[in-house]
């Protein structure tokens, strides 16, 4: 069984190199992060985590983040593309706050354990499996978070970088195969899980991404909130991220238009051929009227290839 099949049908581990790790400490850490992110940091207790966005003052998404409450500090886990940007963004807004930032990216090694059998495989490793979404559990000097990059079930092991040579043989001993980056991306798109840097970028507003689990609409002020609230109250979005299937074996490039009656109906954000489904799967920003009506669409430049929206819809982001 190859890595793609293992990840899709059973369990596999995926390498998550270069993800940014920012330690946030200091007496004002909770208040500061609460004011800088879209989610309700003040509700978190030690051992909790959550998914959130960092926005700019125009409401555009600068980055996404997992925030893990480790007691006396938070560890922020973000995409490799945004690690430096997030650190600089936070540092810019520390004025009279008792907040200290430390870039610990090089100090941690991160792997995902994902697939339908992920929980049982963690048990075989002797590792704890947090029950709550984004919750964390200590495993010696490591910790495990419940967060999936490719499908509905997944965990993330955060280990000190010095322990990586010990961790990888443990995965092999537990008969957990590796799925490479291409396999992980294909399974992620089969499950319609967007990733910042690919389907979610600074181009988009929060509601356009369909990732409303990243937002708390009842919290106090935060950077970019005015735009988020204005969009919510006026329902002013014209496009939304949606799962799309294309009757073809050739993935169209990002930016390819989807057409209905010769007019633009959407735009491909990413796509990959699914060996299991025998067709292309992807994510596209689709005009809201077409997302609701679910018409047959056609791929620009390959008009013989039709596309349709998946019943499953867009899922919580990979992060």
Protein backbone atom coordinates (compact mmCIF):
# COMPACT_ATOMS: atom_id res chain seq x y z
CA UNK A 1 0.00 0.00 0.00
CA UNK A 2 1.46 3.36 -0.99
CA UNK A 3 1.43 6.49 1.13
CA UNK A 4 -1.61 7.97 -0.64
CA UNK A 5 -3.71 4.86 -0.06
CA UNK A 6 -2.53 4.53 3.55
CA UNK A 7 -3.40 8.17 4.32
CA UNK A 8 -6.78 7.97 2.66
CA UNK A 9 -7.89 4.56 3.94
CA UNK A 10 -5.95 3.82 7.12
CA UNK A 11 -3.17 5.96 8.61
CA UNK A 12 0.06 7.63 7.58
CA UNK A 13 2.43 10.21 8.94
CA UNK A 14 3.15 13.41 7.08
CA UNK A 15 6.13 15.67 7.57
CA UNK A 16 5.30 19.29 8.36
CA UNK A 17 8.70 20.99 8.05
CA UNK A 18 9.34 24.68 8.53
CA UNK A 19 6.06 25.54 10.21
CA UNK A 20 6.47 28.71 12.26
CA UNK A 21 6.55 28.34 16.04
CA UNK A 22 6.19 31.54 18.05
CA UNK A 23 6.19 31.50 21.85
CA UNK A 24 4.08 34.26 23.40
CA UNK A 25 4.61 34.91 27.10
CA UNK A 26 4.20 37.73 29.59
CA UNK A 27 1.40 38.88 31.86
CA UNK A 28 -0.58 40.51 29.02
CA UNK A 29 -0.30 37.57 26.62
CA UNK A 30 -3.99 36.58 26.76
CA UNK A 31 -5.36 40.09 26.33
CA UNK A 32 -2.86 40.84 23.56
CA UNK A 33 -3.61 37.72 21.51
CA UNK A 34 -7.34 38.20 22.06
CA UNK A 35 -7.06 41.67 20.50
CA UNK A 36 -4.95 40.45 17.58
CA UNK A 37 -6.91 37.40 16.38
CA UNK A 38 -10.40 36.63 15.16
CA UNK A 39 -11.18 33.99 17.80
CA UNK A 40 -11.93 34.11 21.54
CA UNK A 41 -8.53 33.58 23.16
CA UNK A 42 -9.80 34.67 26.58
CA UNK A 43 -12.03 31.57 26.75
CA UNK A 44 -9.09 29.17 26.44
CA UNK A 45 -7.86 27.22 29.44
CA UNK A 46 -4.47 25.49 29.72
CA UNK A 47 -4.56 22.46 27.44
CA UNK A 48 -6.96 24.11 25.01
CA UNK A 49 -6.25 25.31 21.51
CA UNK A 50 -8.06 27.01 18.67
CA UNK A 51 -7.81 28.02 15.03
CA UNK A 52 -7.87 31.71 14.13
CA UNK A 53 -6.93 34.34 11.57
CA UNK A 54 -4.71 37.38 11.78
CA UNK A 55 -6.25 40.24 9.79
CA UNK A 56 -5.03 43.62 8.65
CA UNK A 57 -7.06 46.80 9.17
CA UNK A 58 -8.80 46.23 5.81
CA UNK A 59 -10.05 42.84 7.00
CA UNK A 60 -7.78 40.85 4.67
CA UNK A 61 -6.29 37.62 5.99
CA UNK A 62 -2.59 37.98 6.78
CA UNK A 63 -2.18 34.44 8.11
CA UNK A 64 -3.92 31.62 9.91
CA UNK A 65 -2.73 30.14 13.18
CA UNK A 66 -3.22 27.42 15.74
CA UNK A 67 -2.96 28.85 19.26
CA UNK A 68 -2.06 26.31 21.94
CA UNK A 69 -2.45 27.32 25.60
CA UNK A 70 0.53 25.84 27.45
CA UNK A 71 -0.18 27.55 30.77
CA UNK A 72 2.44 30.24 31.27
CA UNK A 73 2.71 30.80 27.53
CA UNK A 74 1.07 30.19 24.17
CA UNK A 75 2.72 28.42 21.27
CA UNK A 76 1.54 29.68 17.89
CA UNK A 77 1.80 27.25 14.98
CA UNK A 78 1.56 28.80 11.53
CA UNK A 79 2.42 28.03 7.91
CA UNK A 80 6.06 28.23 6.76
CA UNK A 81 5.11 31.03 4.35
CA UNK A 82 3.77 33.22 7.16
CA UNK A 83 6.11 32.53 10.08
CA UNK A 84 8.19 35.71 9.68
CA UNK A 85 5.15 37.80 8.75
CA UNK A 86 3.25 36.76 11.88
CA UNK A 87 6.22 37.47 14.16
CA UNK A 88 6.71 40.93 12.65
CA UNK A 89 2.98 41.64 12.71
CA UNK A 90 2.71 40.85 16.41
CA UNK A 91 5.92 42.64 17.30
CA UNK A 92 4.66 45.81 15.58
CA UNK A 93 1.67 46.04 17.93
CA UNK A 94 3.49 45.40 21.22
CA UNK A 95 3.72 48.90 22.67
CA UNK A 96 3.28 49.08 26.45
CA UNK A 97 2.23 45.43 26.79
CA UNK A 98 3.98 42.91 29.03
CA UNK A 99 4.37 40.48 26.12
CA UNK A 100 7.47 38.65 24.94
CA UNK A 101 7.80 36.93 21.58
CA UNK A 102 10.32 34.17 20.85
CA UNK A 103 10.82 32.54 17.47
CA UNK A 104 11.12 28.81 18.28
CA UNK A 105 10.69 27.53 14.73
CA UNK A 106 14.09 25.84 14.69
CA UNK A 107 13.49 24.25 18.10
CA UNK A 108 10.53 22.08 17.09
CA UNK A 109 9.92 19.20 14.70
CA UNK A 110 6.31 18.61 13.65
CA UNK A 111 4.67 15.56 12.09
CA UNK A 112 1.03 14.72 11.47
CA UNK A 113 -0.58 11.36 12.19
CA UNK A 114 -3.66 11.27 9.97
CA UNK A 115 -6.27 9.00 8.50
CA UNK A 116 -9.22 6.91 9.75
CA UNK A 117 -6.94 4.83 12.02
CA UNK A 118 -5.01 7.79 13.46
CA UNK A 119 -6.35 7.44 17.02
CA UNK A 120 -5.46 3.75 17.27
CA UNK A 121 -2.02 4.44 15.83
CA UNK A 122 -1.34 7.09 18.47
CA UNK A 123 -2.23 4.52 21.12
CA UNK A 124 0.24 2.09 19.51
CA UNK A 125 2.89 4.78 19.84
CA UNK A 126 2.07 5.20 23.51
CA UNK A 127 1.03 8.79 22.85
CA UNK A 128 -2.07 10.53 24.23
CA UNK A 129 -4.91 11.45 21.86
CA UNK A 130 -6.69 14.69 22.84
CA UNK A 131 -10.46 14.32 22.62
CA UNK A 132 -11.38 17.92 21.82
CA UNK A 133 -10.69 19.76 18.58
CA UNK A 134 -7.37 21.64 18.88
CA UNK A 135 -6.89 20.30 22.41
CA UNK A 136 -3.39 19.32 23.49
CA UNK A 137 -1.88 16.61 25.69
CA UNK A 138 1.67 16.41 26.99
CA UNK A 139 3.85 13.46 25.95
CA UNK A 140 7.10 13.87 27.83
CA UNK A 141 8.95 16.82 26.32
CA UNK A 142 6.56 16.58 23.36
CA UNK A 143 2.91 17.42 23.04
CA UNK A 144 0.13 16.15 20.79
CA UNK A 145 -2.60 18.39 19.34
CA UNK A 146 -5.84 17.29 17.72
CA UNK A 147 -5.55 19.04 14.35
CA UNK A 148 -5.89 17.54 10.89
CA UNK A 149 -4.18 18.76 7.72
CA UNK A 150 -5.70 16.31 5.22
CA UNK A 151 -8.98 14.88 6.45
CA UNK A 152 -11.49 14.71 9.31
CA UNK A 153 -9.22 12.81 11.74
CA UNK A 154 -5.68 13.82 12.53
CA UNK A 155 -3.18 14.72 15.18
CA UNK A 156 -0.02 16.76 15.22
CA UNK A 157 3.04 15.73 17.24
CA UNK A 158 5.27 18.59 18.34
CA UNK A 159 8.65 17.26 19.42
CA UNK A 160 11.85 19.07 20.35
CA UNK A 161 14.05 19.10 17.25
CA UNK A 162 16.66 17.02 19.07
CA UNK A 163 14.09 14.20 19.45
CA UNK A 164 13.30 13.86 15.74
CA UNK A 165 15.91 11.07 15.22
CA UNK A 166 14.15 9.16 17.99
CA UNK A 167 10.59 9.92 16.84
CA UNK A 168 10.88 8.70 13.25
CA UNK A 169 11.96 5.14 14.19
CA UNK A 170 9.06 5.04 16.64
CA UNK A 171 6.68 5.74 13.76
CA UNK A 172 8.26 2.95 11.74
CA UNK A 173 8.05 0.54 14.68
CA UNK A 174 4.33 1.30 14.98
CA UNK A 175 3.92 0.42 11.26
CA UNK A 176 2.86 3.94 10.31
CA UNK A 177 3.99 4.63 6.73
CA UNK A 178 4.91 8.07 5.41
CA UNK A 179 2.73 9.93 2.89
CA UNK A 180 4.68 12.46 0.86
CA UNK A 181 3.65 16.06 0.17
CA UNK A 182 1.89 15.23 -3.11
CA UNK A 183 -0.18 12.49 -1.49
CA UNK A 184 -1.07 14.75 1.43
CA UNK A 185 -2.17 17.53 -0.92
CA UNK A 186 -4.35 15.17 -2.95
CA UNK A 187 -6.08 13.76 0.13
CA UNK A 188 -6.48 17.28 1.52
CA UNK A 189 -8.27 18.37 -1.65
CA UNK A 190 -10.40 15.21 -1.68
CA UNK A 191 -11.61 16.34 1.74
CA UNK A 192 -11.91 19.98 0.60
CA UNK A 193 -9.64 21.32 3.34
CA UNK A 194 -8.12 24.69 2.35
CA UNK A 195 -4.61 25.75 3.31
CA UNK A 196 -3.29 29.24 3.87
CA UNK A 197 -0.83 30.13 1.14
CA UNK A 198 -2.73 28.15 -1.48
CA UNK A 199 -6.51 28.60 -1.30
CA UNK A 200 -6.56 31.21 1.46
CA UNK A 201 -4.42 34.31 0.92
CA UNK A 202 -4.31 38.00 1.72
CA UNK A 203 -6.58 38.54 -1.27
CA UNK A 204 -9.65 37.25 0.59
CA UNK A 205 -12.03 38.32 3.32
CA UNK A 206 -12.86 35.97 6.19
CA UNK A 207 -16.40 35.09 5.10
CA UNK A 208 -15.26 34.34 1.55
CA UNK A 209 -13.14 31.44 2.83
CA UNK A 210 -16.11 29.65 4.51
CA UNK A 211 -13.88 29.16 7.58
CA UNK A 212 -16.19 30.69 10.16
CA UNK A 213 -14.89 28.37 12.91
CA UNK A 214 -11.89 30.75 12.91
CA UNK A 215 -14.08 33.64 14.06
CA UNK A 216 -15.99 34.51 17.22
CA UNK A 217 -18.68 37.06 16.38
CA UNK A 218 -19.44 37.92 20.02
CA UNK A 219 -15.99 38.88 21.27
CA UNK A 220 -14.71 42.42 21.76
CA UNK A 221 -12.68 44.49 19.35
CA UNK A 222 -9.79 43.05 17.39
CA UNK A 223 -7.78 44.19 14.41
CA UNK A 224 -9.97 43.94 11.30
CA UNK A 225 -13.22 43.34 13.22
CA UNK A 226 -15.03 46.32 11.71
CA UNK A 227 -14.80 44.81 8.23
CA UNK A 228 -15.78 41.32 9.42
CA UNK A 229 -18.84 42.73 11.19
CA UNK A 230 -19.80 44.92 8.25
CA UNK A 231 -19.71 41.92 5.91
CA UNK A 232 -21.70 39.82 8.39
CA UNK A 233 -24.41 42.42 8.98
CA UNK A 234 -24.85 43.29 5.30
CA UNK A 235 -24.17 39.84 3.84
CA UNK A 236 -21.89 41.51 1.33
CA UNK A 237 -19.85 38.78 -0.26
CA UNK A 238 -20.11 37.76 -3.88
CA UNK A 239 -17.95 34.61 -3.82
CA UNK A 240 -17.21 31.80 -1.41
CA UNK A 241 -14.74 28.93 -1.34
CA UNK A 242 -16.36 25.67 -2.41
CA UNK A 243 -15.37 22.08 -3.16
CA UNK A 244 -15.43 21.33 -6.86
CA UNK A 245 -15.06 18.12 -8.90
CA UNK A 246 -14.07 18.18 -12.57
CA UNK A 247 -14.77 15.35 -14.98
CA UNK A 248 -11.20 15.19 -16.22
CA UNK A 249 -7.81 13.69 -15.38
CA UNK A 250 -5.96 16.97 -15.99
CA UNK A 251 -6.00 19.52 -13.12
CA UNK A 252 -6.50 23.09 -14.37
CA UNK A 253 -4.04 25.67 -13.04
CA UNK A 254 -4.99 28.18 -10.33
CA UNK A 255 -6.86 31.12 -11.77
CA UNK A 256 -8.74 29.07 -14.37
CA UNK A 257 -12.30 30.34 -14.73
CA UNK A 258 -15.41 28.21 -14.35
CA UNK A 259 -18.23 29.19 -16.69
CA UNK A 260 -22.02 29.03 -16.65
CA UNK A 261 -23.82 30.07 -19.85
CA UNK A 262 -20.55 31.57 -21.08
CA UNK A 263 -20.18 33.85 -18.06
CA UNK A 264 -17.68 33.66 -15.18
CA UNK A 265 -19.10 31.62 -12.31
CA UNK A 266 -15.98 30.88 -10.31
CA UNK A 267 -12.21 30.61 -10.25
CA UNK A 268 -10.06 27.58 -9.46
CA UNK A 269 -7.82 28.06 -6.42
CA UNK A 270 -6.22 24.60 -6.53
CA UNK A 271 -6.82 21.20 -8.07
CA UNK A 272 -5.35 17.69 -8.20
CA UNK A 273 -6.23 14.39 -9.84
CA UNK A 274 -7.75 11.90 -7.40
CA UNK A 275 -6.78 8.30 -8.25
CA UNK A 276 -9.47 6.99 -5.92
CA UNK A 277 -12.27 9.05 -7.47
CA UNK A 278 -10.98 8.97 -11.03
CA UNK A 279 -11.50 12.69 -11.56
CA UNK A 280 -10.04 16.04 -10.56
CA UNK A 281 -10.86 17.47 -7.14
CA UNK A 282 -10.24 21.01 -6.08
CA UNK A 283 -11.32 24.18 -4.36
CA UNK A 284 -12.69 27.20 -6.17
CA UNK A 285 -14.11 30.59 -5.30
CA UNK A 286 -17.63 30.39 -6.71
CA UNK A 287 -20.18 33.18 -7.01
CA UNK A 288 -22.69 32.78 -4.19
CA UNK A 289 -25.71 32.53 -6.51
CA UNK A 290 -24.09 29.57 -8.29
CA UNK A 291 -22.99 27.99 -5.02
CA UNK A 292 -26.66 27.95 -4.00
CA UNK A 293 -28.06 26.83 -7.39
CA UNK A 294 -25.29 24.27 -8.04
CA UNK A 295 -25.41 24.37 -11.86
CA UNK A 296 -23.17 22.40 -14.18
CA UNK A 297 -20.08 24.48 -14.88
CA UNK A 298 -17.46 24.31 -17.61
CA UNK A 299 -13.70 24.73 -17.39
CA UNK A 300 -12.31 27.64 -19.37
CA UNK A 301 -9.78 26.49 -21.98
CA UNK A 302 -11.08 22.92 -21.74
CA UNK A 303 -14.75 23.46 -22.48
CA UNK A 304 -15.39 19.74 -22.85
CA UNK A 305 -14.62 19.27 -19.15
CA UNK A 306 -17.61 19.87 -16.90
CA UNK A 307 -17.44 20.66 -13.20
CA UNK A 308 -19.85 20.29 -10.32
CA UNK A 309 -19.88 21.30 -6.66
CA UNK A 310 -19.38 18.61 -4.04
CA UNK A 311 -22.23 17.94 -1.64
CA UNK A 312 -19.71 17.89 1.23
CA UNK A 313 -18.79 21.54 0.76
CA UNK A 314 -15.66 23.25 2.02
CA UNK A 315 -14.29 21.77 5.26
CA UNK A 316 -12.33 23.29 8.19
CA UNK A 317 -8.93 24.49 7.05
CA UNK A 318 -5.77 22.45 7.22
CA UNK A 319 -3.85 25.08 9.05
